[in-house]
Amino acid sequence: MVTDPIADFLTRVRNAQMANHRIVEIPASNLKKRITEILYDKGYILKYKFEDDNKQGVIKIALKYDAATKVPAIRSLERVSRPGLRQYSKPADFARVKNEPLLKNLL
């Protein structure tokens, strides 16, 4: 049993990218579905699909890589606030996200 589903989600995506996989499958939950939708809306993943297997369900995520350099769109991925150590911040303290591949697509 996984005690931290968000960390499990991030670890599966991180490991799939390090192994240069195109698709990663993750056990579904409503929280993970929403995180997947946010990653897609922000341009970090290519596409996703929710599949129902009459149990928990599965999220299939197509990872996004740069066409020329094969560098993953997600450069780093880490869990800051964990169940054992909560980190609280004001919105003004958040760092700006550097998303160079998205900027290239907009220009």
Protein backbone atom coordinates (compact mmCIF):
# COMPACT_ATOMS: atom_id res chain seq x y z
CA MET A 1 0.00 0.00 0.00
CA VAL A 2 1.31 3.42 -0.96
CA THR A 3 1.18 6.00 1.82
CA ASP A 4 1.98 8.99 -0.41
CA PRO A 5 0.16 8.76 -3.76
CA ILE A 6 1.53 12.08 -5.06
CA ALA A 7 5.14 11.03 -4.47
CA ASP A 8 4.38 7.69 -6.15
CA PHE A 9 2.93 9.52 -9.17
CA LEU A 10 5.95 11.82 -9.46
CA THR A 11 8.40 8.94 -9.02
CA ARG A 12 6.76 6.89 -11.77
CA VAL A 13 6.91 9.85 -14.19
CA ARG A 14 10.52 10.66 -13.21
CA ASN A 15 11.65 7.03 -13.61
CA ALA A 16 9.92 6.67 -16.98
CA GLN A 17 11.66 9.79 -18.28
CA MET A 18 15.06 8.63 -17.03
CA ALA A 19 14.50 5.35 -18.93
CA ASN A 20 13.36 7.30 -22.04
CA HIS A 21 9.94 5.64 -22.07
CA ARG A 22 7.26 7.17 -24.24
CA ILE A 23 4.30 6.06 -22.11
CA VAL A 24 3.92 5.53 -18.36
CA GLU A 25 0.98 3.79 -16.67
CA ILE A 26 -0.12 4.94 -13.23
CA PRO A 27 -2.90 3.60 -10.99
CA ALA A 28 -5.73 6.12 -11.11
CA SER A 29 -7.29 8.26 -8.41
CA ASN A 30 -9.16 11.54 -8.64
CA LEU A 31 -6.15 13.44 -7.29
CA LYS A 32 -3.77 11.86 -9.83
CA LYS A 33 -6.26 12.54 -12.64
CA ARG A 34 -6.33 16.22 -11.72
CA ILE A 35 -2.51 16.42 -11.50
CA THR A 36 -2.34 14.79 -14.96
CA GLU A 37 -4.79 17.34 -16.38
CA ILE A 38 -2.74 20.21 -14.95
CA LEU A 39 0.50 18.81 -16.43
CA TYR A 40 -1.24 18.53 -19.80
CA ASP A 41 -2.71 22.05 -19.63
CA LYS A 42 0.71 23.48 -18.80
CA GLY A 43 2.34 21.62 -21.71
CA TYR A 44 4.54 19.19 -19.79
CA ILE A 45 3.01 16.00 -21.22
CA LEU A 46 1.97 15.14 -24.76
CA LYS A 47 -1.38 13.49 -24.00
CA TYR A 48 -3.11 11.28 -21.48
CA LYS A 49 -5.87 8.73 -21.30
CA PHE A 50 -7.97 7.49 -18.39
CA GLU A 51 -8.82 3.79 -18.68
CA ASP A 52 -11.30 1.97 -16.47
CA ASP A 53 -10.39 -1.64 -15.68
CA ASN A 54 -13.37 -2.32 -13.36
CA LYS A 55 -11.07 -1.78 -10.37
CA GLN A 56 -9.04 1.30 -9.63
CA GLY A 57 -8.42 2.34 -13.23
CA VAL A 58 -5.23 3.36 -15.00
CA ILE A 59 -3.86 6.65 -16.26
CA LYS A 60 -1.72 6.35 -19.40
CA ILE A 61 0.52 9.35 -19.94
CA ALA A 62 2.45 10.02 -23.15
CA LEU A 63 5.60 11.83 -22.06
CA LYS A 64 6.82 14.84 -24.01
CA TYR A 65 10.38 15.12 -25.33
CA ASP A 66 12.10 17.76 -27.48
CA ALA A 67 12.13 16.52 -31.08
CA ALA A 68 15.72 17.53 -31.83
CA THR A 69 17.56 16.90 -28.56
CA LYS A 70 15.31 14.22 -26.99
CA VAL A 71 15.40 16.16 -23.70
CA PRO A 72 12.28 15.61 -21.54
CA ALA A 73 9.86 18.53 -21.22
CA ILE A 74 9.89 18.03 -17.45
CA ARG A 75 13.42 18.99 -16.43
CA SER A 76 13.11 18.26 -12.70
CA LEU A 77 10.37 16.84 -10.54
CA GLU A 78 10.36 16.74 -6.76
CA ARG A 79 7.93 16.60 -3.87
CA VAL A 80 8.59 19.43 -1.44
CA SER A 81 5.77 19.07 1.08
CA ARG A 82 5.40 15.49 2.33
CA PRO A 83 3.08 13.87 4.86
CA GLY A 84 5.92 13.71 7.40
CA LEU A 85 7.12 17.27 6.82
CA ARG A 86 4.62 19.84 5.60
CA GLN A 87 6.03 22.92 3.88
CA TYR A 88 3.76 25.97 3.71
CA SER A 89 4.47 29.03 1.56
CA LYS A 90 2.81 32.24 0.51
CA PRO A 91 2.04 32.55 -3.23
CA ALA A 92 4.63 35.33 -3.53
CA ASP A 93 7.36 32.85 -2.45
CA PHE A 94 6.84 30.51 -5.42
CA ALA A 95 9.56 30.46 -8.04
CA ARG A 96 8.63 31.18 -11.65
CA VAL A 97 8.50 28.10 -13.86
CA LYS A 98 11.02 28.05 -16.69
CA ASN A 99 9.39 26.31 -19.60
CA GLU A 100 11.59 26.84 -22.62
CA PRO A 101 9.87 24.26 -24.91
CA LEU A 102 6.54 26.04 -24.49
CA LEU A 103 8.10 29.40 -25.29
CA LYS A 104 9.54 27.98 -28.53
CA ASN A 105 6.09 26.70 -29.54
CA LEU A 106 4.52 30.11 -28.92
CA LEU A 107 7.03 32.05 -31.04
